[in-house]
N, C-alpha and C. Protein backbone atom coordinates (compact mmCIF):
# COMPACT_ATOMS: atom_id res chain seq x y z
N MET A 1 118.72 63.32 83.49
CA MET A 1 118.28 63.67 84.06
C MET A 1 118.62 63.98 85.23
N LYS A 2 117.96 65.74 86.32
CA LYS A 2 118.27 65.77 87.52
C LYS A 2 117.64 66.08 88.77
N ASN A 3 118.46 65.88 89.70
CA ASN A 3 117.39 65.12 91.04
C ASN A 3 117.02 66.88 91.86
N VAL A 4 115.53 67.28 92.45
CA VAL A 4 115.34 68.07 92.99
C VAL A 4 114.84 68.28 94.65
N THR A 5 115.37 68.54 95.15
CA THR A 5 114.93 68.60 96.90
C THR A 5 113.81 69.50 96.73
N ILE A 6 112.51 68.50 97.59
CA ILE A 6 111.04 69.37 97.99
C ILE A 6 110.93 69.15 99.89
N THR A 7 109.95 69.71 99.47
CA THR A 7 109.57 70.82 100.65
C THR A 7 108.01 70.20 101.10
N VAL A 8 107.75 69.12 102.00
CA VAL A 8 106.25 68.97 101.71
C VAL A 8 105.87 68.21 103.07
N GLU A 9 104.79 68.49 103.80
CA GLU A 9 103.79 67.76 105.47
C GLU A 9 103.91 66.74 105.09
N ASP A 10 104.87 66.46 106.28
CA ASP A 10 104.28 64.86 106.53
C ASP A 10 103.61 64.00 105.81
N SER A 11 101.48 64.33 106.65
CA SER A 11 100.68 63.54 106.00
C SER A 11 101.17 63.54 104.46
N VAL A 12 101.55 64.05 103.58
CA VAL A 12 101.52 64.37 101.71
C VAL A 12 102.30 63.39 101.85
N LEU A 13 103.48 63.92 102.17
CA LEU A 13 104.57 62.13 101.74
C LEU A 13 104.12 60.43 102.17
N GLU A 14 103.66 61.06 103.36
CA GLU A 14 103.07 59.47 103.94
C GLU A 14 101.81 59.05 102.16
N TRP A 15 101.08 59.90 102.19
CA TRP A 15 99.49 59.30 101.67
C TRP A 15 100.62 59.59 99.94
N ALA A 16 101.73 60.16 99.53
CA ALA A 16 103.11 59.72 98.30
C ALA A 16 103.72 58.39 98.52
N ARG A 17 104.11 58.04 99.24
CA ARG A 17 104.77 56.68 99.83
C ARG A 17 103.47 55.60 99.07
N VAL A 18 103.00 55.94 100.40
CA VAL A 18 101.81 54.34 100.36
C VAL A 18 101.00 54.80 98.32
N GLU A 19 100.67 56.12 98.08
CA GLU A 19 100.15 55.73 96.89
C GLU A 19 101.61 54.88 94.89
N ALA A 20 102.56 55.31 95.41
CA ALA A 20 103.29 55.08 94.89
C ALA A 20 103.86 53.44 94.71
N ALA A 21 103.48 52.64 96.46
CA ALA A 21 103.97 51.59 96.44
C ALA A 21 102.07 50.92 95.62
N ARG A 22 101.12 51.91 95.89
CA ARG A 22 100.07 51.25 95.37
C ARG A 22 100.07 51.33 93.70
N ARG A 23 100.55 51.54 93.31
CA ARG A 23 101.36 52.21 91.84
C ARG A 23 102.66 51.55 92.03
N ASN A 24 103.22 50.60 92.34
CA ASN A 24 104.39 49.70 91.86
C ASN A 24 105.33 50.34 91.20
N THR A 25 105.96 51.75 91.82
CA THR A 25 106.95 53.13 91.65
C THR A 25 107.68 53.10 92.90
N SER A 26 108.52 54.30 92.62
CA SER A 26 108.80 55.27 94.04
C SER A 26 107.71 56.58 93.26
N VAL A 27 108.32 56.67 94.86
CA VAL A 27 108.02 59.15 94.62
C VAL A 27 108.50 59.07 94.18
N SER A 28 109.64 59.08 93.06
CA SER A 28 110.35 60.36 92.70
C SER A 28 109.69 59.91 91.18
N ARG A 29 109.84 58.67 90.72
CA ARG A 29 109.34 58.31 89.29
C ARG A 29 107.50 58.91 89.23
N MET A 30 106.97 58.70 90.18
CA MET A 30 105.74 59.75 90.15
C MET A 30 105.29 60.79 90.45
N LEU A 31 106.16 61.29 91.04
CA LEU A 31 105.87 63.24 90.80
C LEU A 31 106.60 63.47 90.09
N GLY A 32 107.28 62.91 88.77
CA GLY A 32 108.20 63.06 88.02
C GLY A 32 107.12 62.70 86.55
N GLU A 33 106.37 61.23 87.32
CA GLU A 33 105.40 61.68 85.36
C GLU A 33 104.21 63.10 85.88
N PHE A 34 103.64 63.07 87.24
CA PHE A 34 102.43 63.61 86.75
C PHE A 34 103.54 65.22 86.92
N MET A 35 104.34 66.34 86.70
CA MET A 35 104.97 67.05 86.41
C MET A 35 104.58 66.21 84.88
N ARG A 36 105.32 65.25 84.24
CA ARG A 36 105.90 65.70 82.65
C ARG A 36 104.14 65.61 82.16
N GLU A 37 102.90 64.57 83.18
CA GLU A 37 101.52 65.13 82.39
C GLU A 37 101.28 66.26 82.31
N MET A 38 101.88 67.31 83.57
CA MET A 38 100.85 68.62 83.62
C MET A 38 101.61 68.94 82.59
N GLN A 39 103.49 69.00 81.95
CA GLN A 39 103.27 69.66 80.95
C GLN A 39 102.41 69.60 80.26
N ARG A 40 102.11 68.71 79.30
CA ARG A 40 102.17 67.75 78.66
C ARG A 40 100.89 68.25 78.50
N ARG A 41 99.95 69.15 79.30
CA ARG A 41 98.37 69.09 79.34
C ARG A 41 98.50 70.40 79.17
N ASP A 42 99.80 71.93 79.09
CA ASP A 42 99.69 73.27 79.44
C ASP A 42 100.09 73.37 77.48
N ASP A 43 101.52 72.31 77.20
CA ASP A 43 101.48 72.78 75.89
C ASP A 43 100.41 72.15 75.56
N VAL A 44 99.17 71.57 75.78
CA VAL A 44 98.37 70.94 74.69
C VAL A 44 97.64 72.37 74.70
N TYR A 45 96.96 72.88 76.03
CA TYR A 45 95.51 74.21 76.04
C TYR A 45 96.88 74.95 74.73
N GLU A 46 97.40 75.13 75.08
CA GLU A 46 99.16 76.20 74.65
C GLU A 46 98.31 76.42 72.86
N ARG A 47 98.36 75.17 72.56
CA ARG A 47 99.10 75.11 71.15
C ARG A 47 97.53 75.20 70.92
N ALA A 48 96.54 74.49 70.94
CA ALA A 48 94.77 75.04 71.12
C ALA A 48 94.68 75.76 70.59
N TYR A 49 94.82 77.01 71.74
CA TYR A 49 94.89 78.69 72.12
C TYR A 49 95.25 79.01 71.15
N GLN A 50 96.92 78.36 70.19
CA GLN A 50 97.23 80.08 69.54
C GLN A 50 96.90 79.09 68.80
N GLU A 51 96.23 78.27 68.55
CA GLU A 51 95.38 77.14 66.37
C GLU A 51 94.84 78.66 66.77
N TRP A 52 93.57 78.91 67.53
CA TRP A 52 92.47 79.24 67.25
C TRP A 52 92.62 81.31 67.01
N ARG A 53 93.81 81.21 67.47
CA ARG A 53 93.88 82.88 68.25
C ARG A 53 95.02 83.18 65.84
N ASN A 54 94.84 82.17 65.38
CA ASN A 54 96.04 81.86 64.50
C ASN A 54 95.15 82.22 63.13
N GLU A 55 93.65 81.12 63.06
CA GLU A 55 92.88 80.33 62.38
C GLU A 55 92.50 81.88 61.82
N PRO A 56 91.59 82.31 60.42
CA PRO A 56 90.75 83.02 59.79
C PRO A 56 89.57 83.21 60.05
N ARG A 57 89.29 84.77 60.71
CA ARG A 57 87.80 84.48 61.48
C ARG A 57 87.03 84.37 59.67
N THR A 58 86.36 83.56 59.90
CA THR A 58 85.69 83.68 58.81
C THR A 58 84.03 83.84 58.69
N TRP A 59 83.13 84.48 59.52
CA TRP A 59 82.85 85.46 59.96
C TRP A 59 82.43 86.75 59.58
N ARG A 60 81.49 87.15 59.16
CA ARG A 60 81.66 89.16 58.29
C ARG A 60 79.95 89.81 58.74
N SER A 61 80.50 90.87 59.04
CA SER A 61 78.91 91.94 59.05
C SER A 61 78.70 92.40 57.91
N ASP A 62 76.94 91.83 57.98
CA ASP A 62 76.13 92.23 56.52
C ASP A 62 76.26 94.12 56.94
N GLY A 63 77.65 94.62 58.13
CA GLY A 63 76.94 96.43 58.56
C GLY A 63 75.67 96.83 58.94
N SER A 64 75.48 96.27 59.27
CA SER A 64 73.48 95.71 59.71
C SER A 64 72.94 95.55 61.18
N PRO A 65 73.50 96.66 61.98
CA PRO A 65 73.13 96.03 63.42
C PRO A 65 72.71 95.14 64.64
N TYR A 66 73.58 95.05 65.37
CA TYR A 66 73.67 93.78 66.55
C TYR A 66 71.97 93.35 65.98
N PRO A 67 71.13 92.40 67.10
CA PRO A 67 69.92 92.94 67.51
C PRO A 67 69.86 92.75 69.24
N LYS A 68 69.20 93.34 69.54
CA LYS A 68 68.78 93.89 70.52
C LYS A 68 68.73 92.19 72.08
N ARG A 69 68.50 92.74 72.75
CA ARG A 69 68.69 91.49 74.18
C ARG A 69 67.35 91.06 74.00
N ASP A 70 66.95 92.29 74.26
CA ASP A 70 64.97 90.98 74.32
C ASP A 70 65.19 90.79 72.95
N GLU A 71 65.36 90.66 71.26
CA GLU A 71 65.21 90.76 70.42
C GLU A 71 65.46 89.10 71.00
N ILE A 72 67.37 89.17 71.24
CA ILE A 72 67.11 87.29 71.33
C ILE A 72 66.97 86.38 72.31
N TYR A 73 66.36 87.04 73.57
CA TYR A 73 66.13 86.08 74.70
C TYR A 73 64.28 86.23 74.71
N ASP A 74 63.97 85.63 74.57
CA ASP A 74 62.31 86.05 74.50
C ASP A 74 61.47 86.04 76.53
N ARG A 75 62.13 87.21 76.97
CA ARG A 75 62.50 87.90 78.49
C ARG A 75 60.56 87.20 79.34
N GLY A 76 59.43 87.68 78.49
CA GLY A 76 58.54 87.25 78.16
C GLY A 76 58.18 86.37 79.22
N ARG A 77 58.90 84.48 78.87
CA ARG A 77 58.49 83.49 79.01
C ARG A 77 59.10 83.58 80.47
N LEU A 78 60.61 84.21 81.30
CA LEU A 78 60.97 83.84 82.42
C LEU A 78 59.89 84.08 84.34
N LYS A 79 59.19 85.05 82.67
CA LYS A 79 58.49 86.12 84.95
C LYS A 79 57.13 85.18 85.23
């Protein structure tokens, strides 16, 4: 593990100390867990995005033109 020095406002540090005490842990461990969770979320998002990008597209067009907006939405009801 590596040590990191951070700069935060006094009020933020006070909150972090109280929150860490409430969780029965240290500020250092709490920040490490927070960063690990952010990394996990980022990894999950990236993996899901890559799966979506790489999955084969099963929808196909039969060559007919797309419907017009007015054909999709009943604009008369909105008035």
